[in-house]
Amino acid sequence: MAHNARLDHRNPLVFDTHELGRRPGALQRLTRTVPTPRDFGLVGVIGVPEGAPMELELRLESVMEGVLVTGTARATAKGECVRCLEPLQLDVEADFQEMFSYPDADDRGRVQHTEPGDDAEDDEDRLFLEDGLFDLEAVLRDAVVLALPMQPVCQEDCPGLCPQCGARLADDPDHHHDAVDIRWAALQGFAGSLRDGDKDDTSGAEAGVDEKQEK
């Protein structure tokens, strides 16, 4: 990844490592509650609402290459059950660990003068400190999204919706429809038409009998 640019220390997800220092083995523990940025979830399925509080517990460790950040994020996600479509919410806990490297420095902190293209592929996968600051938003987003269920349900045994009328089956466990075999449906209609025809014939016959009696 390219080096971070113009990090704002006022951003609640930007952290300052100056107090930690660059002595390998130095540790710093932080707790912070931050508003959740946008797009922390699976679009149209479930996610942590923008602005909702997210609790962070962080462990910052100074190592030779940079700062190793280990932490846990906790928040409440909202979405809808994939079976019955009812709104739901669930507590999410996401663990993560990421290395933020010192820019252009070797193991001893000395500036390296590399030719363009050297270790380009490695740099694409790396995150860097900028003036002692690092931005945790991208790391958090990946961790939270991976911690979310791909198919959230309101309860493990949710029976879902009736495929015929859409009724929520959990509200009416005895809900059912009388099944009709489609192979007999046409015959039933034919039988009904025959019965109607018989009635018409019978009515005609009775009318004829009455006329003869009158004569």
Protein backbone atom coordinates (compact mmCIF):
# COMPACT_ATOMS: atom_id res chain seq x y z
CA MET A 1 0.00 0.00 0.00
CA ALA A 2 1.18 3.48 -0.73
CA HIS A 3 2.29 5.63 2.14
CA ASN A 4 -0.48 7.34 4.07
CA ALA A 5 -0.91 10.99 3.17
CA ARG A 6 -1.86 13.94 5.33
CA LEU A 7 -3.19 12.05 8.32
CA ASP A 8 -5.26 14.22 10.64
CA HIS A 9 -4.53 13.62 14.32
CA ARG A 10 -8.06 14.85 15.10
CA ASN A 11 -9.52 11.83 13.32
CA PRO A 12 -10.60 9.39 16.08
CA LEU A 13 -9.13 6.47 14.11
CA VAL A 14 -5.73 8.09 13.70
CA PHE A 15 -3.28 7.19 16.48
CA ASP A 16 -0.04 8.82 17.57
CA THR A 17 2.96 6.61 18.38
CA HIS A 18 5.37 9.31 19.51
CA GLU A 19 4.80 8.48 23.16
CA LEU A 20 5.60 4.84 22.43
CA GLY A 21 8.97 5.70 20.95
CA ARG A 22 11.10 3.55 18.66
CA ARG A 23 12.81 1.40 21.24
CA PRO A 24 12.00 -2.25 20.36
CA GLY A 25 9.93 -3.89 23.05
CA ALA A 26 8.17 -0.72 24.24
CA LEU A 27 4.44 -1.24 24.83
CA GLN A 28 1.43 1.02 25.02
CA ARG A 29 -2.18 0.03 25.72
CA LEU A 30 -5.09 2.18 24.62
CA THR A 31 -8.87 2.09 24.91
CA ARG A 32 -11.05 4.35 22.85
CA THR A 33 -14.70 4.61 21.82
CA VAL A 34 -15.09 5.95 18.30
CA PRO A 35 -18.01 6.62 15.92
CA THR A 36 -18.18 3.94 13.26
CA PRO A 37 -17.29 5.20 9.76
CA ARG A 38 -19.54 4.43 6.82
CA ASP A 39 -19.57 1.10 4.95
CA PHE A 40 -18.73 -1.11 7.92
CA GLY A 41 -20.71 -4.12 6.79
CA LEU A 42 -22.22 -6.17 4.00
CA VAL A 43 -24.37 -3.91 1.84
CA GLY A 44 -28.04 -4.82 2.03
CA VAL A 45 -27.42 -7.61 4.55
CA ILE A 46 -25.93 -6.47 7.85
CA GLY A 47 -23.49 -3.90 9.17
CA VAL A 48 -22.56 -1.51 11.95
CA PRO A 49 -24.51 1.73 11.34
CA GLU A 50 -22.50 4.82 10.53
CA GLY A 51 -21.91 6.84 13.68
CA ALA A 52 -22.69 3.97 16.08
CA PRO A 53 -20.21 3.67 18.98
CA MET A 54 -17.37 1.19 18.49
CA GLU A 55 -15.17 0.24 21.44
CA LEU A 56 -11.49 -0.35 20.74
CA GLU A 57 -8.88 -2.04 22.88
CA LEU A 58 -5.39 -1.67 21.40
CA ARG A 59 -1.92 -2.91 22.18
CA LEU A 60 0.89 -1.01 20.45
CA GLU A 61 4.32 -2.64 20.42
CA SER A 62 7.46 -1.07 19.05
CA VAL A 63 9.48 -3.52 16.95
CA MET A 64 12.48 -3.15 14.68
CA GLU A 65 10.42 -2.62 11.52
CA GLY A 66 7.74 -0.37 12.94
CA VAL A 67 4.73 -0.59 15.28
CA LEU A 68 2.76 -3.81 15.68
CA VAL A 69 -0.87 -3.05 16.49
CA THR A 70 -3.02 -5.77 18.07
CA GLY A 71 -6.57 -5.09 19.11
CA THR A 72 -10.24 -5.92 19.48
CA ALA A 73 -13.22 -3.94 18.21
CA ARG A 74 -16.72 -4.31 19.67
CA ALA A 75 -19.92 -2.88 18.23
CA THR A 76 -23.57 -3.67 17.54
CA ALA A 77 -24.52 -4.57 13.99
CA LYS A 78 -28.00 -4.25 12.49
CA GLY A 79 -29.60 -5.99 9.55
CA GLU A 80 -32.43 -8.37 8.73
CA CYS A 81 -32.93 -12.10 9.04
CA VAL A 82 -32.35 -13.84 5.72
CA ARG A 83 -35.15 -16.33 6.50
CA CYS A 84 -38.02 -14.24 7.82
CA LEU A 85 -36.79 -10.72 6.85
CA GLU A 86 -37.39 -9.37 10.38
CA PRO A 87 -34.99 -6.66 11.68
CA LEU A 88 -32.22 -7.97 13.92
CA GLN A 89 -29.17 -6.76 15.78
CA LEU A 90 -26.20 -8.62 17.16
CA ASP A 91 -23.03 -7.87 19.08
CA VAL A 92 -19.87 -8.09 16.98
CA GLU A 93 -16.36 -8.68 18.29
CA ALA A 94 -13.51 -8.50 15.81
CA ASP A 95 -9.84 -9.22 16.56
CA PHE A 96 -7.08 -7.86 14.35
CA GLN A 97 -3.32 -7.42 14.12
CA GLU A 98 -1.41 -5.21 11.72
CA MET A 99 2.15 -3.97 11.25
CA PHE A 100 2.67 -0.30 10.48
CA SER A 101 6.18 0.06 9.10
CA TYR A 102 8.59 2.95 9.47
CA PRO A 103 8.80 4.56 6.01
CA ASP A 104 12.11 4.15 4.18
CA ALA A 105 13.92 2.65 7.16
CA ASP A 106 15.74 -0.62 7.71
CA ASP A 107 15.81 -2.73 10.87
CA ARG A 108 18.03 -0.16 12.61
CA GLY A 109 15.93 2.81 11.65
CA ARG A 110 18.40 4.02 9.02
CA VAL A 111 17.00 5.60 5.87
CA GLN A 112 17.23 3.32 2.88
CA HIS A 113 17.92 4.60 -0.62
CA THR A 114 16.21 2.11 -2.89
CA GLU A 115 15.83 2.26 -6.61
CA PRO A 116 12.32 2.78 -7.99
CA GLY A 117 10.59 -0.54 -8.32
CA ASP A 118 12.61 -2.27 -5.58
CA ASP A 119 10.27 -4.38 -3.45
CA ALA A 120 7.31 -2.76 -5.17
CA GLU A 121 5.14 -5.80 -4.68
CA ASP A 122 5.97 -5.94 -0.97
CA ASP A 123 5.11 -2.26 -0.54
CA GLU A 124 1.66 -2.84 -2.02
CA ASP A 125 0.79 -5.04 0.94
CA ARG A 126 2.34 -2.85 3.63
CA LEU A 127 0.96 -0.05 5.79
CA PHE A 128 3.24 2.76 6.85
CA LEU A 129 3.52 5.28 9.65
CA GLU A 130 3.42 8.93 8.68
CA ASP A 131 5.18 11.26 11.08
CA GLY A 132 4.50 8.74 13.84
CA LEU A 133 0.78 8.49 13.00
CA PHE A 134 -1.24 5.59 11.63
CA ASP A 135 -4.84 5.32 10.42
CA LEU A 136 -6.72 2.25 11.64
CA GLU A 137 -9.90 2.63 9.55
CA ALA A 138 -9.07 0.21 6.71
CA VAL A 139 -7.80 -2.44 9.11
CA LEU A 140 -10.92 -2.14 11.26
CA ARG A 141 -13.26 -2.31 8.27
CA ASP A 142 -11.69 -5.55 7.05
CA ALA A 143 -11.81 -7.09 10.52
CA VAL A 144 -15.42 -6.14 11.23
CA VAL A 145 -16.72 -7.26 7.84
CA LEU A 146 -15.01 -10.64 8.23
CA ALA A 147 -16.57 -11.02 11.70
CA LEU A 148 -20.11 -10.48 10.38
CA PRO A 149 -22.28 -13.46 9.39
CA MET A 150 -22.85 -13.80 5.64
CA GLN A 151 -26.41 -15.02 6.27
CA PRO A 152 -27.65 -13.50 9.56
CA VAL A 153 -30.68 -15.07 11.25
CA CYS A 154 -32.84 -13.78 14.10
CA GLN A 155 -32.49 -17.18 15.79
CA GLU A 156 -30.76 -20.37 14.80
CA ASP A 157 -34.01 -22.31 14.34
CA CYS A 158 -35.93 -19.54 12.55
CA PRO A 159 -38.47 -21.35 10.32
CA GLY A 160 -38.67 -18.44 7.88
CA LEU A 161 -41.72 -17.50 5.81
CA CYS A 162 -44.54 -19.57 4.34
CA PRO A 163 -43.64 -20.12 0.67
CA GLN A 164 -47.29 -19.85 -0.33
CA CYS A 165 -48.58 -16.78 1.50
CA GLY A 166 -45.47 -15.21 3.07
CA ALA A 167 -46.67 -15.50 6.68
CA ARG A 168 -43.96 -15.56 9.34
CA LEU A 169 -43.98 -19.15 10.56
CA ALA A 170 -42.47 -18.34 13.97
CA ASP A 171 -45.62 -16.35 14.81
CA ASP A 172 -47.92 -19.29 13.97
CA PRO A 173 -46.23 -22.69 14.37
CA ASP A 174 -49.43 -24.47 13.25
CA HIS A 175 -49.69 -22.48 10.04
CA HIS A 176 -50.28 -24.68 6.99
CA HIS A 177 -52.15 -24.94 3.72
CA ASP A 178 -54.10 -27.96 2.45
CA ALA A 179 -51.92 -29.39 -0.26
CA VAL A 180 -53.54 -30.18 -3.59
CA ASP A 181 -51.78 -32.49 -6.02
CA ILE A 182 -51.53 -30.53 -9.26
CA ARG A 183 -52.04 -33.78 -11.17
CA TRP A 184 -55.61 -33.99 -9.79
CA ALA A 185 -56.45 -30.30 -9.97
CA ALA A 186 -57.63 -30.47 -13.61
CA LEU A 187 -59.71 -33.58 -12.92
CA GLN A 188 -61.35 -31.90 -9.96
CA GLY A 189 -62.37 -29.00 -12.16
CA PHE A 190 -63.70 -31.39 -14.79
CA ALA A 191 -65.68 -33.29 -12.17
CA GLY A 192 -67.17 -30.04 -10.96
CA SER A 193 -68.31 -29.12 -14.45
CA LEU A 194 -69.89 -32.55 -14.87
CA ARG A 195 -71.85 -32.11 -11.65
CA ASP A 196 -73.12 -28.77 -12.84
CA GLY A 197 -74.14 -30.33 -16.14
CA ASP A 198 -76.00 -33.14 -14.39
CA LYS A 199 -77.97 -30.59 -12.42
CA ASP A 200 -78.95 -28.81 -15.63
CA ASP A 201 -80.10 -32.09 -17.25
CA THR A 202 -82.06 -33.04 -14.16
CA SER A 203 -83.77 -29.69 -14.10
CA GLY A 204 -84.74 -30.09 -17.76
CA ALA A 205 -86.09 -33.57 -17.16
CA GLU A 206 -88.17 -32.45 -14.21
CA ALA A 207 -89.62 -29.62 -16.26
CA GLY A 208 -90.67 -32.10 -18.98
CA VAL A 209 -92.42 -34.33 -16.47
CA ASP A 210 -94.36 -31.38 -15.09
CA GLU A 211 -95.54 -30.40 -18.58
CA LYS A 212 -96.85 -33.94 -19.28
CA GLN A 213 -98.69 -34.01 -15.97
CA GLU A 214 -100.40 -30.72 -16.81
CA LYS A 215 -101.63 -32.14 -20.15
